[in-house]
Amino acid sequence: MKKRLFLLCLLAVSLLQANAENHGRYLELGIGGGLHSMQYTGFTGNNSTTPGGGGQLYLTYRYMFHEHWGIGAGFDLTYLHASATFDHTDGAGHAFGDWKEQQNLLNLNIPVGIYFQTPVCEKWDFMWGAGAKLSFHEYNNFYASGRMDDVDRVFGGHIAEKDFPKIGCEIYADLGFHYAVSERILLYIGLYGSYGPTNHKRGTDTPLYAVNKDDKGVEHGIYHGMLNSDACAKAHSYTVGLKFGITFNFPSQSELDALPDEELGTEDEENRKTWHELEME
């Protein structure tokens, strides 16, 4: 996971810096939370789904190549929770009644997108962004309970990595406001949403519950879970929530030049002198 993250972030940052005029750079760290769930389709029999809550940690770097426009990349670690209640008779003939399964998933996402920002008043900026995410599935587990073949049963476990799509994609959008605490530090609050076109369910006709025999002929029941069986056809992830973050502003040279001398800190003065010395050369 660390190797993938390092290589993808290195590539994204290199693309951001390529031959574009600098109108400001921003590094944002934050958290978000809201509806983080799955949309299931293709059930047999009666069914209902209940959206679940979740959260995320994120880090985003934005490079402004225009006064209002920029591009950004980063990563987020997102937790999703979903549950479905359904009646189902699987391929092995086992009948499930009022059966409920809960899913928990953890994904590492690499977002790359385009951003727009503009001042609203003295200390407030409006910002929106949209783009795509490369999503790596990192962990999952499930908990299921109900009546199977007229007997109350409970199962728990996780889907093996080989039986779960490891890489997917998502589309996302952000909408929010920055409040300037100082020239270098801003606070962010906003809405976010995403949808994953990638089907998280493995295409399989495996029954929801199967009985296998071991080498000694002893039978063992295996509950495969919704996402690795014939219980549903498709499962897509989605998120809608609220973000809070702290943003560090690395101003461009034009922004430094526009500041009155009394508002410049020692570091800003050195930056201004360095740039002017380079221009003189």
C-alpha atoms as a PDB file:
ATOM      1  CA  MET A   1       0.000   0.000   0.000  1.00  0.00           C
ATOM      2  CA  LYS A   2       2.775   2.445   0.906  1.00  0.00           C
ATOM      3  CA  LYS A   3       4.591   1.855  -2.377  1.00  0.00           C
ATOM      4  CA  ARG A   4       1.432   2.445  -4.411  1.00  0.00           C
ATOM      5  CA  LEU A   5       0.647   5.614  -2.462  1.00  0.00           C
ATOM      6  CA  PHE A   6       4.161   7.026  -2.849  1.00  0.00           C
ATOM      7  CA  LEU A   7       4.368   6.393  -6.609  1.00  0.00           C
ATOM      8  CA  LEU A   8       0.901   7.767  -7.348  1.00  0.00           C
ATOM      9  CA  CYS A   9       1.392  10.886  -5.235  1.00  0.00           C
ATOM     10  CA  LEU A  10       4.795  11.506  -6.827  1.00  0.00           C
ATOM     11  CA  LEU A  11       3.263  11.273 -10.295  1.00  0.00           C
ATOM     12  CA  ALA A  12       0.351  13.539  -9.364  1.00  0.00           C
ATOM     13  CA  VAL A  13       2.569  16.243  -7.834  1.00  0.00           C
ATOM     14  CA  SER A  14       4.877  16.161 -10.866  1.00  0.00           C
ATOM     15  CA  LEU A  15       1.929  16.728 -13.185  1.00  0.00           C
ATOM     16  CA  LEU A  16       0.654  19.595 -11.042  1.00  0.00           C
ATOM     17  CA  GLN A  17       3.946  21.475 -11.217  1.00  0.00           C
ATOM     18  CA  ALA A  18       4.531  21.027 -14.965  1.00  0.00           C
ATOM     19  CA  ASN A  19       5.010  24.319 -16.839  1.00  0.00           C
ATOM     20  CA  ALA A  20       2.204  26.280 -15.177  1.00  0.00           C
ATOM     21  CA  GLU A  21       2.299  29.822 -13.829  1.00  0.00           C
ATOM     22  CA  ASN A  22       2.095  29.850 -10.041  1.00  0.00           C
ATOM     23  CA  HIS A  23      -0.923  31.699  -8.623  1.00  0.00           C
ATOM     24  CA  GLY A  24      -0.755  30.027  -5.219  1.00  0.00           C
ATOM     25  CA  ARG A  25      -0.330  26.624  -3.614  1.00  0.00           C
ATOM     26  CA  TYR A  26      -2.477  25.107  -0.866  1.00  0.00           C
ATOM     27  CA  LEU A  27      -2.037  22.074   1.364  1.00  0.00           C
ATOM     28  CA  GLU A  28      -5.199  20.986   3.167  1.00  0.00           C
ATOM     29  CA  LEU A  29      -5.623  18.416   5.947  1.00  0.00           C
ATOM     30  CA  GLY A  30      -9.033  17.503   7.280  1.00  0.00           C
ATOM     31  CA  ILE A  31     -11.784  15.103   8.241  1.00  0.00           C
ATOM     32  CA  GLY A  32     -15.252  14.428   6.875  1.00  0.00           C
ATOM     33  CA  GLY A  33     -18.336  12.458   7.773  1.00  0.00           C
ATOM     34  CA  GLY A  34     -21.855  11.679   6.621  1.00  0.00           C
ATOM     35  CA  LEU A  35     -23.592   8.994   4.577  1.00  0.00           C
ATOM     36  CA  HIS A  36     -20.926   6.526   3.398  1.00  0.00           C
ATOM     37  CA  SER A  37     -22.747   3.518   2.049  1.00  0.00           C
ATOM     38  CA  MET A  38     -23.453   1.023  -0.735  1.00  0.00           C
ATOM     39  CA  GLN A  39     -26.226   0.869  -3.328  1.00  0.00           C
ATOM     40  CA  TYR A  40     -27.285  -2.736  -3.934  1.00  0.00           C
ATOM     41  CA  THR A  41     -29.289  -3.894  -6.955  1.00  0.00           C
ATOM     42  CA  GLY A  42     -30.451  -7.216  -8.428  1.00  0.00           C
ATOM     43  CA  PHE A  43     -31.900  -8.890  -5.328  1.00  0.00           C
ATOM     44  CA  THR A  44     -34.276 -11.805  -5.587  1.00  0.00           C
ATOM     45  CA  GLY A  45     -37.430 -11.576  -3.465  1.00  0.00           C
ATOM     46  CA  ASN A  46     -38.346  -8.852  -0.985  1.00  0.00           C
ATOM     47  CA  ASN A  47     -35.518  -6.547   0.036  1.00  0.00           C
ATOM     48  CA  SER A  48     -34.626  -3.191   1.548  1.00  0.00           C
ATOM     49  CA  THR A  49     -31.361  -1.328   2.069  1.00  0.00           C
ATOM     50  CA  THR A  50     -30.380   1.036   4.879  1.00  0.00           C
ATOM     51  CA  PRO A  51     -27.712   3.697   4.252  1.00  0.00           C
ATOM     52  CA  GLY A  52     -24.956   3.780   6.822  1.00  0.00           C
ATOM     53  CA  GLY A  53     -22.648   6.408   8.222  1.00  0.00           C
ATOM     54  CA  GLY A  54     -18.934   6.715   7.739  1.00  0.00           C
ATOM     55  CA  GLY A  55     -16.005   9.074   7.711  1.00  0.00           C
ATOM     56  CA  GLN A  56     -12.747  10.002   6.047  1.00  0.00           C
ATOM     57  CA  LEU A  57      -9.330  11.503   6.650  1.00  0.00           C
ATOM     58  CA  TYR A  58      -7.910  13.452   3.727  1.00  0.00           C
ATOM     59  CA  LEU A  59      -4.893  15.399   2.516  1.00  0.00           C
ATOM     60  CA  THR A  60      -5.107  17.523  -0.644  1.00  0.00           C
ATOM     61  CA  TYR A  61      -2.534  19.626  -2.491  1.00  0.00           C
ATOM     62  CA  ARG A  62      -3.851  22.309  -4.903  1.00  0.00           C
ATOM     63  CA  TYR A  63      -1.771  24.245  -7.418  1.00  0.00           C
ATOM     64  CA  MET A  64      -3.379  27.370  -8.903  1.00  0.00           C
ATOM     65  CA  PHE A  65      -2.302  27.984 -12.507  1.00  0.00           C
ATOM     66  CA  HIS A  66      -4.780  30.872 -12.844  1.00  0.00           C
ATOM     67  CA  GLU A  67      -6.238  33.499 -10.530  1.00  0.00           C
ATOM     68  CA  HIS A  68      -9.353  31.340 -10.096  1.00  0.00           C
ATOM     69  CA  TRP A  69      -8.474  27.925 -11.512  1.00  0.00           C
ATOM     70  CA  GLY A  70      -6.202  25.153 -10.310  1.00  0.00           C
ATOM     71  CA  ILE A  71      -5.609  21.440 -10.185  1.00  0.00           C
ATOM     72  CA  GLY A  72      -5.267  19.219  -7.135  1.00  0.00           C
ATOM     73  CA  ALA A  73      -4.320  15.752  -5.968  1.00  0.00           C
ATOM     74  CA  GLY A  74      -3.936  13.914  -2.691  1.00  0.00           C
ATOM     75  CA  PHE A  75      -5.325  10.943  -0.858  1.00  0.00           C
ATOM     76  CA  ASP A  76      -8.126  10.037   1.524  1.00  0.00           C
ATOM     77  CA  LEU A  77      -8.827   7.055   3.732  1.00  0.00           C
ATOM     78  CA  THR A  78     -12.578   6.409   3.662  1.00  0.00           C
ATOM     79  CA  TYR A  79     -14.736   4.110   5.801  1.00  0.00           C
ATOM     80  CA  LEU A  80     -18.139   2.915   4.502  1.00  0.00           C
ATOM     81  CA  HIS A  81     -20.971   1.061   6.228  1.00  0.00           C
ATOM     82  CA  ALA A  82     -24.111  -0.409   4.672  1.00  0.00           C
ATOM     83  CA  SER A  83     -26.802  -2.950   5.485  1.00  0.00           C
ATOM     84  CA  ALA A  84     -29.457  -4.825   3.519  1.00  0.00           C
ATOM     85  CA  THR A  85     -32.439  -6.927   4.602  1.00  0.00           C
ATOM     86  CA  PHE A  86     -33.761  -9.460   2.115  1.00  0.00           C
ATOM     87  CA  ASP A  87     -35.512 -12.770   1.433  1.00  0.00           C
ATOM     88  CA  HIS A  88     -33.515 -15.071  -0.786  1.00  0.00           C
ATOM     89  CA  THR A  89     -33.232 -18.679  -1.934  1.00  0.00           C
ATOM     90  CA  ASP A  90     -29.701 -19.296  -3.130  1.00  0.00           C
ATOM     91  CA  GLY A  91     -28.336 -21.632  -5.770  1.00  0.00           C
ATOM     92  CA  ALA A  92     -27.869 -24.417  -3.217  1.00  0.00           C
ATOM     93  CA  GLY A  93     -31.537 -24.264  -2.198  1.00  0.00           C
ATOM     94  CA  HIS A  94     -31.057 -22.604   1.193  1.00  0.00           C
ATOM     95  CA  ALA A  95     -33.906 -20.241   2.082  1.00  0.00           C
ATOM     96  CA  PHE A  96     -33.119 -16.971   3.876  1.00  0.00           C
ATOM     97  CA  GLY A  97     -35.992 -15.051   5.473  1.00  0.00           C
ATOM     98  CA  ASP A  98     -35.803 -11.527   6.861  1.00  0.00           C
ATOM     99  CA  TRP A  99     -32.045 -11.868   6.463  1.00  0.00           C
ATOM    100  CA  LYS A 100     -29.871  -8.883   7.338  1.00  0.00           C
ATOM    101  CA  GLU A 101     -26.245  -8.404   6.380  1.00  0.00           C
ATOM    102  CA  GLN A 102     -24.041  -5.457   7.316  1.00  0.00           C
ATOM    103  CA  GLN A 103     -20.938  -4.488   5.355  1.00  0.00           C
ATOM    104  CA  ASN A 104     -17.918  -2.479   6.515  1.00  0.00           C
ATOM    105  CA  LEU A 105     -15.326  -1.360   3.981  1.00  0.00           C
ATOM    106  CA  LEU A 106     -12.136   0.703   4.112  1.00  0.00           C
ATOM    107  CA  ASN A 107     -10.775   2.263   0.907  1.00  0.00           C
ATOM    108  CA  LEU A 108      -7.654   4.266   0.127  1.00  0.00           C
ATOM    109  CA  ASN A 109      -8.461   6.804  -2.605  1.00  0.00           C
ATOM    110  CA  ILE A 110      -6.192   8.941  -4.803  1.00  0.00           C
ATOM    111  CA  PRO A 111      -8.218  11.943  -6.072  1.00  0.00           C
ATOM    112  CA  VAL A 112      -7.151  14.162  -8.978  1.00  0.00           C
ATOM    113  CA  GLY A 113      -9.371  17.061 -10.023  1.00  0.00           C
ATOM    114  CA  ILE A 114      -9.839  20.649 -11.129  1.00  0.00           C
ATOM    115  CA  TYR A 115     -10.717  23.445  -8.700  1.00  0.00           C
ATOM    116  CA  PHE A 116     -12.242  26.924  -8.872  1.00  0.00           C
ATOM    117  CA  GLN A 117     -12.013  29.565  -6.153  1.00  0.00           C
ATOM    118  CA  THR A 118     -13.002  33.225  -5.859  1.00  0.00           C
ATOM    119  CA  PRO A 119     -13.225  35.785  -3.018  1.00  0.00           C
ATOM    120  CA  VAL A 120     -16.651  36.377  -1.472  1.00  0.00           C
ATOM    121  CA  CYS A 121     -15.700  39.069   1.037  1.00  0.00           C
ATOM    122  CA  GLU A 122     -12.629  40.207   2.948  1.00  0.00           C
ATOM    123  CA  LYS A 123     -11.822  36.910   4.710  1.00  0.00           C
ATOM    124  CA  TRP A 124     -14.024  34.383   2.880  1.00  0.00           C
ATOM    125  CA  ASP A 125     -13.354  32.494  -0.375  1.00  0.00           C
ATOM    126  CA  PHE A 126     -15.747  30.215  -2.224  1.00  0.00           C
ATOM    127  CA  MET A 127     -14.363  26.991  -3.732  1.00  0.00           C
ATOM    128  CA  TRP A 128     -15.639  24.041  -5.710  1.00  0.00           C
ATOM    129  CA  GLY A 129     -13.853  21.090  -7.248  1.00  0.00           C
ATOM    130  CA  ALA A 130     -14.593  17.929  -9.213  1.00  0.00           C
ATOM    131  CA  GLY A 131     -12.625  15.013 -10.563  1.00  0.00           C
ATOM    132  CA  ALA A 132     -11.965  11.303 -10.327  1.00  0.00           C
ATOM    133  CA  LYS A 133     -10.491   8.995  -7.705  1.00  0.00           C
ATOM    134  CA  LEU A 134      -8.461   5.843  -8.081  1.00  0.00           C
ATOM    135  CA  SER A 135      -9.718   3.615  -5.264  1.00  0.00           C
ATOM    136  CA  PHE A 136      -7.802   0.801  -3.547  1.00  0.00           C
ATOM    137  CA  HIS A 137      -9.794  -1.584  -1.383  1.00  0.00           C
ATOM    138  CA  GLU A 138      -7.891  -2.189   1.855  1.00  0.00           C
ATOM    139  CA  TYR A 139     -10.225  -4.005   4.250  1.00  0.00           C
ATOM    140  CA  ASN A 140     -13.754  -5.404   4.600  1.00  0.00           C
ATOM    141  CA  ASN A 141     -15.863  -7.425   7.003  1.00  0.00           C
ATOM    142  CA  PHE A 142     -19.507  -8.408   7.334  1.00  0.00           C
ATOM    143  CA  TYR A 143     -22.012  -9.509   9.968  1.00  0.00           C
ATOM    144  CA  ALA A 144     -25.186 -11.399   9.010  1.00  0.00           C
ATOM    145  CA  SER A 145     -28.169 -12.681  10.995  1.00  0.00           C
ATOM    146  CA  GLY A 146     -31.725 -13.917  10.476  1.00  0.00           C
ATOM    147  CA  ARG A 147     -33.514 -17.129   9.634  1.00  0.00           C
ATOM    148  CA  MET A 148     -31.926 -19.691   7.334  1.00  0.00           C
ATOM    149  CA  ASP A 149     -33.938 -22.811   6.551  1.00  0.00           C
ATOM    150  CA  ASP A 150     -36.274 -21.845   9.429  1.00  0.00           C
ATOM    151  CA  VAL A 151     -33.394 -21.750  11.933  1.00  0.00           C
ATOM    152  CA  ASP A 152     -31.964 -18.585  13.513  1.00  0.00           C
ATOM    153  CA  ARG A 153     -28.384 -18.196  12.339  1.00  0.00           C
ATOM    154  CA  VAL A 154     -25.546 -15.680  12.767  1.00  0.00           C
ATOM    155  CA  PHE A 155     -22.433 -15.382  10.592  1.00  0.00           C
ATOM    156  CA  GLY A 156     -19.457 -13.071  10.494  1.00  0.00           C
ATOM    157  CA  GLY A 157     -16.233 -12.787   8.567  1.00  0.00           C
ATOM    158  CA  HIS A 158     -14.607 -11.035   5.655  1.00  0.00           C
ATOM    159  CA  ILE A 159     -14.238 -11.523   1.921  1.00  0.00           C
ATOM    160  CA  ALA A 160     -10.824 -12.747   0.803  1.00  0.00           C
ATOM    161  CA  GLU A 161      -8.772 -10.262  -1.212  1.00  0.00           C
ATOM    162  CA  LYS A 162      -8.748 -12.591  -4.229  1.00  0.00           C
ATOM    163  CA  ASP A 163     -12.561 -12.453  -4.275  1.00  0.00           C
ATOM    164  CA  PHE A 164     -12.852  -8.670  -4.036  1.00  0.00           C
ATOM    165  CA  PRO A 165     -12.102  -6.025  -6.721  1.00  0.00           C
ATOM    166  CA  LYS A 166      -8.848  -4.503  -5.498  1.00  0.00           C
ATOM    167  CA  ILE A 167      -8.893  -1.350  -7.657  1.00  0.00           C
ATOM    168  CA  GLY A 168     -11.852   0.786  -8.656  1.00  0.00           C
ATOM    169  CA  CYS A 169     -12.720   4.340  -9.638  1.00  0.00           C
ATOM    170  CA  GLU A 170     -14.998   7.053  -8.291  1.00  0.00           C
ATOM    171  CA  ILE A 171     -16.178  10.474  -9.401  1.00  0.00           C
ATOM    172  CA  TYR A 172     -16.334  13.209  -6.758  1.00  0.00           C
ATOM    173  CA  ALA A 173     -17.285  16.832  -6.119  1.00  0.00           C
ATOM    174  CA  ASP A 174     -16.496  19.367  -3.363  1.00  0.00           C
ATOM    175  CA  LEU A 175     -18.249  22.636  -2.528  1.00  0.00           C
ATOM    176  CA  GLY A 176     -17.277  24.902   0.343  1.00  0.00           C
ATOM    177  CA  PHE A 177     -15.719  28.028   1.859  1.00  0.00           C
ATOM    178  CA  HIS A 178     -12.331  29.065   3.219  1.00  0.00           C
ATOM    179  CA  TYR A 179     -11.990  31.500   6.111  1.00  0.00           C
ATOM    180  CA  ALA A 180      -8.634  33.290   6.376  1.00  0.00           C
ATOM    181  CA  VAL A 181      -7.297  33.148   9.926  1.00  0.00           C
ATOM    182  CA  SER A 182      -4.062  34.700   8.618  1.00  0.00           C
ATOM    183  CA  GLU A 183      -2.233  35.079   5.312  1.00  0.00           C
ATOM    184  CA  ARG A 184      -0.860  31.560   5.681  1.00  0.00           C
ATOM    185  CA  ILE A 185      -3.623  29.643   7.495  1.00  0.00           C
ATOM    186  CA  LEU A 186      -7.231  29.141   6.422  1.00  0.00           C
ATOM    187  CA  LEU A 187     -10.113  27.096   7.812  1.00  0.00           C
ATOM    188  CA  TYR A 188     -12.320  25.092   5.451  1.00  0.00           C
ATOM    189  CA  ILE A 189     -15.929  23.936   5.743  1.00  0.00           C
ATOM    190  CA  GLY A 190     -17.878  22.375   2.912  1.00  0.00           C
ATOM    191  CA  LEU A 191     -19.933  19.590   1.390  1.00  0.00           C
ATOM    192  CA  TYR A 192     -18.594  16.608  -0.519  1.00  0.00           C
ATOM    193  CA  GLY A 193     -19.993  13.700  -2.478  1.00  0.00           C
ATOM    194  CA  SER A 194     -18.761  10.764  -4.527  1.00  0.00           C
ATOM    195  CA  TYR A 195     -20.094   7.821  -6.508  1.00  0.00           C
ATOM    196  CA  GLY A 196     -18.271   4.650  -7.506  1.00  0.00           C
ATOM    197  CA  PRO A 197     -19.217   3.270 -10.949  1.00  0.00           C
ATOM    198  CA  THR A 198     -17.071   0.212 -10.171  1.00  0.00           C
ATOM    199  CA  ASN A 199     -19.131  -2.801  -9.126  1.00  0.00           C
ATOM    200  CA  HIS A 200     -17.834  -3.938  -5.712  1.00  0.00           C
ATOM    201  CA  LYS A 201     -19.519  -7.306  -6.132  1.00  0.00           C
ATOM    202  CA  ARG A 202     -17.562 -10.072  -7.745  1.00  0.00           C
ATOM    203  CA  GLY A 203     -19.417 -11.557 -10.726  1.00  0.00           C
ATOM    204  CA  THR A 204     -20.177 -15.040  -9.390  1.00  0.00           C
ATOM    205  CA  ASP A 205     -22.929 -17.639  -9.127  1.00  0.00           C
ATOM    206  CA  THR A 206     -21.602 -18.864  -5.776  1.00  0.00           C
ATOM    207  CA  PRO A 207     -24.487 -19.600  -3.376  1.00  0.00           C
ATOM    208  CA  LEU A 208     -24.809 -17.412  -0.310  1.00  0.00           C
ATOM    209  CA  TYR A 209     -24.276 -20.502   1.849  1.00  0.00           C
ATOM    210  CA  ALA A 210     -22.476 -23.660   0.752  1.00  0.00           C
ATOM    211  CA  VAL A 211     -21.589 -26.950   2.402  1.00  0.00           C
ATOM    212  CA  ASN A 212     -18.148 -28.384   1.605  1.00  0.00           C
ATOM    213  CA  LYS A 213     -16.437 -31.560   2.738  1.00  0.00           C
ATOM    214  CA  ASP A 214     -12.900 -31.624   4.027  1.00  0.00           C
ATOM    215  CA  ASP A 215     -10.328 -34.375   3.374  1.00  0.00           C
ATOM    216  CA  LYS A 216     -11.889 -36.536   6.098  1.00  0.00           C
ATOM    217  CA  GLY A 217     -15.380 -36.233   4.658  1.00  0.00           C
ATOM    218  CA  VAL A 218     -16.612 -33.906   7.396  1.00  0.00           C
ATOM    219  CA  GLU A 219     -19.102 -31.303   6.153  1.00  0.00           C
ATOM    220  CA  HIS A 220     -18.451 -27.608   6.851  1.00  0.00           C
ATOM    221  CA  GLY A 221     -20.847 -24.778   6.076  1.00  0.00           C
ATOM    222  CA  ILE A 222     -19.410 -21.614   4.522  1.00  0.00           C
ATOM    223  CA  TYR A 223     -21.268 -18.299   4.406  1.00  0.00           C
ATOM    224  CA  HIS A 224     -19.838 -16.322   1.485  1.00  0.00           C
ATOM    225  CA  GLY A 225     -21.470 -12.930   2.043  1.00  0.00           C
ATOM    226  CA  MET A 226     -23.527 -10.740  -0.271  1.00  0.00           C
ATOM    227  CA  LEU A 227     -20.603  -9.341  -2.223  1.00  0.00           C
ATOM    228  CA  ASN A 228     -19.234 -12.769  -3.114  1.00  0.00           C
ATOM    229  CA  SER A 229     -22.441 -14.695  -3.897  1.00  0.00           C
ATOM    230  CA  ASP A 230     -25.650 -14.728  -5.911  1.00  0.00           C
ATOM    231  CA  ALA A 231     -27.545 -12.665  -3.303  1.00  0.00           C
ATOM    232  CA  CYS A 232     -27.350  -9.469  -5.386  1.00  0.00           C
ATOM    233  CA  ALA A 233     -26.131  -8.399  -8.818  1.00  0.00           C
ATOM    234  CA  LYS A 234     -24.371  -5.084  -8.224  1.00  0.00           C
ATOM    235  CA  ALA A 235     -23.038  -2.963  -5.361  1.00  0.00           C
ATOM    236  CA  HIS A 236     -21.826   0.617  -5.851  1.00  0.00           C
ATOM    237  CA  SER A 237     -20.337   2.889  -3.200  1.00  0.00           C
ATOM    238  CA  TYR A 238     -21.419   6.486  -2.567  1.00  0.00           C
ATOM    239  CA  THR A 239     -20.723   9.233  -0.047  1.00  0.00           C
ATOM    240  CA  VAL A 240     -22.402  12.514   0.916  1.00  0.00           C
ATOM    241  CA  GLY A 241     -21.121  14.502   3.853  1.00  0.00           C
ATOM    242  CA  LEU A 242     -19.577  17.522   5.519  1.00  0.00           C
ATOM    243  CA  LYS A 243     -15.862  18.353   5.608  1.00  0.00           C
ATOM    244  CA  PHE A 244     -13.760  20.375   8.039  1.00  0.00           C
ATOM    245  CA  GLY A 245     -10.137  21.168   7.307  1.00  0.00           C
ATOM    246  CA  ILE A 246      -7.168  23.415   7.923  1.00  0.00           C
ATOM    247  CA  THR A 247      -5.459  24.833   4.841  1.00  0.00           C
ATOM    248  CA  PHE A 248      -1.896  26.098   4.607  1.00  0.00           C
ATOM    249  CA  ASN A 249      -1.392  28.795   1.994  1.00  0.00           C
ATOM    250  CA  PHE A 250       1.955  29.082   0.194  1.00  0.00           C
ATOM    251  CA  PRO A 251       1.451  32.434  -1.597  1.00  0.00           C
ATOM    252  CA  SER A 252       2.709  33.125  -5.099  1.00  0.00           C
ATOM    253  CA  GLN A 253       5.290  35.839  -5.812  1.00  0.00           C
ATOM    254  CA  SER A 254       2.609  38.197  -7.159  1.00  0.00           C
ATOM    255  CA  GLU A 255       0.672  37.816  -3.894  1.00  0.00           C
ATOM    256  CA  LEU A 256       3.818  38.592  -1.871  1.00  0.00           C
ATOM    257  CA  ASP A 257       4.533  41.686  -3.968  1.00  0.00           C
ATOM    258  CA  ALA A 258       0.973  42.917  -3.386  1.00  0.00           C
ATOM    259  CA  LEU A 259       1.340  42.817   0.405  1.00  0.00           C
ATOM    260  CA  PRO A 260       2.256  46.057   2.213  1.00  0.00           C
ATOM    261  CA  ASP A 261       5.673  45.909   3.872  1.00  0.00           C
ATOM    262  CA  GLU A 262       4.168  46.102   7.349  1.00  0.00           C
ATOM    263  CA  GLU A 263       2.185  42.879   6.681  1.00  0.00           C
ATOM    264  CA  LEU A 264       5.209  40.880   5.561  1.00  0.00           C
ATOM    265  CA  GLY A 265       6.758  38.451   7.985  1.00  0.00           C
ATOM    266  CA  THR A 266      10.498  37.724   8.062  1.00  0.00           C
ATOM    267  CA  GLU A 267      10.053  34.641   5.879  1.00  0.00           C
ATOM    268  CA  ASP A 268       7.994  36.601   3.328  1.00  0.00           C
ATOM    269  CA  GLU A 269      10.619  39.359   3.143  1.00  0.00           C
ATOM    270  CA  GLU A 270      13.335  36.785   2.448  1.00  0.00           C
ATOM    271  CA  ASN A 271      11.161  35.151  -0.229  1.00  0.00           C
ATOM    272  CA  ARG A 272      10.521  38.510  -1.892  1.00  0.00           C
ATOM    273  CA  LYS A 273      14.236  39.398  -1.858  1.00  0.00           C
ATOM    274  CA  THR A 274      15.192  36.005  -3.268  1.00  0.00           C
ATOM    275  CA  TRP A 275      12.755  36.266  -6.150  1.00  0.00           C
ATOM    276  CA  HIS A 276      13.796  39.837  -6.972  1.00  0.00           C
ATOM    277  CA  GLU A 277      17.462  38.894  -6.915  1.00  0.00           C
ATOM    278  CA  LEU A 278      16.767  36.091  -9.393  1.00  0.00           C
ATOM    279  CA  GLU A 279      14.843  38.519 -11.642  1.00  0.00           C
ATOM    280  CA  MET A 280      17.780  40.955 -11.630  1.00  0.00           C
ATOM    281  CA  GLU A 281      20.099  38.187 -12.791  1.00  0.00           C
END
